Amino acid sequence: MTRVPITDDVVEQLSELLEADALDHEHNYMGAQFAARDYGFEELAQFVYEADAATYYEAIQQAKADRQASSTS
């Protein structure tokens, strides 16, 4: 696990999983990887596999911020 780039697609796909309530717990990266595969989000699944915990957590925060911005507009 290393620091990998957080792409717009990764943030968008994470946001979709959060909105669909597809994650049993947002910090469970293994669950996120399985949910990503279930939804056909291969880029997100690969990101979760490669990213370190800090990078994954940062992506979760970006996805939450995007969801909040979308809901207020």
N, C-alpha and C. Protein backbone atom coordinates (compact mmCIF):
# COMPACT_ATOMS: atom_id res chain seq x y z
N MET A 1 0.84 -1.17 0.00
CA MET A 1 0.00 0.00 0.00
C MET A 1 0.89 1.24 0.00
N THR A 2 0.50 2.15 -0.87
CA THR A 2 1.28 3.37 -1.01
C THR A 2 0.34 4.54 -1.27
N ARG A 3 0.95 5.70 -1.33
CA ARG A 3 0.20 6.90 -1.71
C ARG A 3 -0.04 6.82 -3.20
N VAL A 4 -1.29 6.84 -3.62
CA VAL A 4 -1.64 6.82 -5.04
C VAL A 4 -2.53 8.01 -5.33
N PRO A 5 -2.60 8.44 -6.59
CA PRO A 5 -3.45 9.59 -6.92
C PRO A 5 -4.93 9.30 -6.67
N ILE A 6 -5.62 10.32 -6.20
CA ILE A 6 -7.07 10.24 -6.01
C ILE A 6 -7.70 10.92 -7.22
N THR A 7 -8.28 10.12 -8.10
CA THR A 7 -8.86 10.67 -9.32
C THR A 7 -10.31 11.11 -9.07
N ASP A 8 -10.81 11.91 -9.99
CA ASP A 8 -12.21 12.34 -9.92
C ASP A 8 -13.14 11.14 -9.97
N ASP A 9 -12.78 10.13 -10.78
CA ASP A 9 -13.62 8.94 -10.89
C ASP A 9 -13.69 8.19 -9.56
N VAL A 10 -12.56 8.10 -8.86
CA VAL A 10 -12.53 7.43 -7.57
C VAL A 10 -13.45 8.16 -6.59
N VAL A 11 -13.34 9.47 -6.54
CA VAL A 11 -14.18 10.27 -5.63
C VAL A 11 -15.65 10.11 -5.99
N GLU A 12 -15.96 10.16 -7.28
CA GLU A 12 -17.35 10.02 -7.73
C GLU A 12 -17.90 8.63 -7.37
N GLN A 13 -17.11 7.61 -7.59
CA GLN A 13 -17.55 6.24 -7.29
C GLN A 13 -17.71 6.04 -5.78
N LEU A 14 -16.80 6.56 -4.99
CA LEU A 14 -16.95 6.49 -3.54
C LEU A 14 -18.20 7.22 -3.08
N SER A 15 -18.44 8.36 -3.69
CA SER A 15 -19.64 9.13 -3.36
C SER A 15 -20.90 8.32 -3.66
N GLU A 16 -20.90 7.64 -4.78
CA GLU A 16 -22.06 6.81 -5.14
C GLU A 16 -22.26 5.67 -4.14
N LEU A 17 -21.16 5.06 -3.69
CA LEU A 17 -21.28 3.99 -2.69
C LEU A 17 -21.82 4.54 -1.38
N LEU A 18 -21.35 5.71 -0.99
CA LEU A 18 -21.84 6.33 0.24
C LEU A 18 -23.33 6.67 0.12
N GLU A 19 -23.71 7.23 -1.02
CA GLU A 19 -25.11 7.60 -1.23
C GLU A 19 -26.01 6.37 -1.25
N ALA A 20 -25.52 5.28 -1.80
CA ALA A 20 -26.31 4.05 -1.87
C ALA A 20 -26.29 3.29 -0.55
N ASP A 21 -25.55 3.81 0.43
CA ASP A 21 -25.39 3.14 1.72
C ASP A 21 -24.86 1.72 1.54
N ALA A 22 -23.91 1.59 0.60
CA ALA A 22 -23.35 0.28 0.25
C ALA A 22 -22.18 -0.13 1.14
N LEU A 23 -21.71 0.77 1.99
CA LEU A 23 -20.58 0.46 2.86
C LEU A 23 -21.08 0.18 4.26
N ASP A 24 -20.68 -0.95 4.81
CA ASP A 24 -21.10 -1.25 6.19
C ASP A 24 -20.47 -0.27 7.16
N HIS A 25 -19.25 0.14 6.88
CA HIS A 25 -18.57 1.18 7.65
C HIS A 25 -17.57 1.83 6.70
N GLU A 26 -17.60 3.13 6.61
CA GLU A 26 -16.77 3.81 5.61
C GLU A 26 -15.27 3.57 5.77
N HIS A 27 -14.80 3.23 6.98
CA HIS A 27 -13.38 3.01 7.18
C HIS A 27 -12.96 1.56 6.93
N ASN A 28 -13.91 0.72 6.61
CA ASN A 28 -13.62 -0.68 6.28
C ASN A 28 -13.22 -0.75 4.81
N TYR A 29 -11.93 -0.61 4.54
CA TYR A 29 -11.48 -0.55 3.16
C TYR A 29 -11.70 -1.86 2.41
N MET A 30 -11.64 -3.00 3.11
CA MET A 30 -11.91 -4.28 2.44
C MET A 30 -13.37 -4.33 2.00
N GLY A 31 -14.26 -3.88 2.85
CA GLY A 31 -15.68 -3.82 2.48
C GLY A 31 -15.90 -2.88 1.31
N ALA A 32 -15.16 -1.77 1.29
CA ALA A 32 -15.27 -0.81 0.19
C ALA A 32 -14.80 -1.45 -1.11
N GLN A 33 -13.76 -2.25 -1.03
CA GLN A 33 -13.25 -2.92 -2.24
C GLN A 33 -14.30 -3.91 -2.78
N PHE A 34 -14.91 -4.68 -1.90
CA PHE A 34 -15.94 -5.63 -2.33
C PHE A 34 -17.16 -4.91 -2.89
N ALA A 35 -17.58 -3.83 -2.23
CA ALA A 35 -18.73 -3.06 -2.71
C ALA A 35 -18.42 -2.45 -4.08
N ALA A 36 -17.21 -1.95 -4.25
CA ALA A 36 -16.82 -1.37 -5.54
C ALA A 36 -16.93 -2.42 -6.64
N ARG A 37 -16.46 -3.61 -6.37
CA ARG A 37 -16.57 -4.69 -7.38
C ARG A 37 -18.03 -5.04 -7.63
N ASP A 38 -18.84 -5.09 -6.59
CA ASP A 38 -20.27 -5.39 -6.76
C ASP A 38 -20.96 -4.37 -7.66
N TYR A 39 -20.54 -3.11 -7.55
CA TYR A 39 -21.14 -2.04 -8.35
C TYR A 39 -20.45 -1.86 -9.70
N GLY A 40 -19.41 -2.65 -9.96
CA GLY A 40 -18.69 -2.54 -11.23
C GLY A 40 -17.72 -1.38 -11.29
N PHE A 41 -17.32 -0.88 -10.13
CA PHE A 41 -16.38 0.24 -10.05
C PHE A 41 -14.95 -0.30 -9.96
N GLU A 42 -14.41 -0.76 -11.08
CA GLU A 42 -13.08 -1.37 -11.08
C GLU A 42 -11.98 -0.38 -10.71
N GLU A 43 -12.12 0.88 -11.14
CA GLU A 43 -11.09 1.87 -10.79
C GLU A 43 -11.04 2.08 -9.29
N LEU A 44 -12.20 2.16 -8.66
CA LEU A 44 -12.26 2.32 -7.21
C LEU A 44 -11.72 1.08 -6.51
N ALA A 45 -12.08 -0.09 -6.99
CA ALA A 45 -11.59 -1.33 -6.38
C ALA A 45 -10.07 -1.40 -6.44
N GLN A 46 -9.49 -1.01 -7.57
CA GLN A 46 -8.03 -1.02 -7.71
C GLN A 46 -7.40 0.03 -6.80
N PHE A 47 -8.03 1.20 -6.72
CA PHE A 47 -7.54 2.27 -5.84
C PHE A 47 -7.49 1.78 -4.39
N VAL A 48 -8.58 1.17 -3.93
CA VAL A 48 -8.64 0.70 -2.54
C VAL A 48 -7.56 -0.36 -2.30
N TYR A 49 -7.33 -1.21 -3.28
CA TYR A 49 -6.32 -2.25 -3.16
C TYR A 49 -4.91 -1.65 -3.02
N GLU A 50 -4.63 -0.59 -3.78
CA GLU A 50 -3.29 -0.02 -3.83
C GLU A 50 -3.03 1.07 -2.79
N ALA A 51 -4.06 1.78 -2.38
CA ALA A 51 -3.87 2.97 -1.55
C ALA A 51 -3.57 2.62 -0.10
N ASP A 52 -2.77 3.47 0.53
CA ASP A 52 -2.56 3.33 1.97
C ASP A 52 -3.78 3.90 2.70
N ALA A 53 -3.84 3.67 3.98
CA ALA A 53 -5.02 4.07 4.76
C ALA A 53 -5.24 5.58 4.71
N ALA A 54 -4.19 6.36 4.78
CA ALA A 54 -4.33 7.82 4.77
C ALA A 54 -4.91 8.30 3.43
N THR A 55 -4.47 7.71 2.35
CA THR A 55 -4.97 8.09 1.03
C THR A 55 -6.43 7.70 0.90
N TYR A 56 -6.78 6.51 1.34
CA TYR A 56 -8.18 6.07 1.29
C TYR A 56 -9.05 7.00 2.14
N TYR A 57 -8.60 7.33 3.33
CA TYR A 57 -9.36 8.22 4.21
C TYR A 57 -9.54 9.59 3.55
N GLU A 58 -8.51 10.10 2.91
CA GLU A 58 -8.60 11.38 2.22
C GLU A 58 -9.65 11.32 1.10
N ALA A 59 -9.68 10.21 0.38
CA ALA A 59 -10.66 10.04 -0.70
C ALA A 59 -12.08 10.00 -0.12
N ILE A 60 -12.25 9.34 1.01
CA ILE A 60 -13.56 9.30 1.67
C ILE A 60 -14.00 10.72 2.04
N GLN A 61 -13.08 11.51 2.58
CA GLN A 61 -13.41 12.88 2.97
C GLN A 61 -13.80 13.72 1.75
N GLN A 62 -13.09 13.52 0.64
CA GLN A 62 -13.44 14.24 -0.59
C GLN A 62 -14.82 13.83 -1.09
N ALA A 63 -15.11 12.54 -1.03
CA ALA A 63 -16.42 12.04 -1.48
C ALA A 63 -17.54 12.61 -0.61
N LYS A 64 -17.31 12.67 0.69
CA LYS A 64 -18.31 13.24 1.60
C LYS A 64 -18.52 14.73 1.31
N ALA A 65 -17.43 15.45 1.07
CA ALA A 65 -17.52 16.87 0.75
C ALA A 65 -18.29 17.08 -0.55
N ASP A 66 -18.02 16.24 -1.54
CA ASP A 66 -18.74 16.34 -2.81
C ASP A 66 -20.23 16.07 -2.62
N ARG A 67 -20.56 15.08 -1.80
CA ARG A 67 -21.97 14.76 -1.53
C ARG A 67 -22.65 15.93 -0.84
N GLN A 68 -21.95 16.51 0.13
CA GLN A 68 -22.54 17.63 0.87
C GLN A 68 -22.73 18.83 -0.06
N ALA A 69 -21.76 19.11 -0.91
CA ALA A 69 -21.87 20.22 -1.85
C ALA A 69 -23.03 19.99 -2.82
N SER A 70 -23.21 18.76 -3.24
CA SER A 70 -24.31 18.44 -4.17
C SER A 70 -25.66 18.59 -3.50
N SER A 71 -25.74 18.23 -2.24
CA SER A 71 -27.03 18.29 -1.55
C SER A 71 -27.44 19.71 -1.17
N THR A 72 -26.49 20.62 -1.10
CA THR A 72 -26.80 22.00 -0.73
C THR A 72 -27.03 22.88 -1.95
N SER A 73 -26.75 22.35 -3.15
CA SER A 73 -26.97 23.19 -4.33
C SER A 73 -28.26 22.90 -5.02
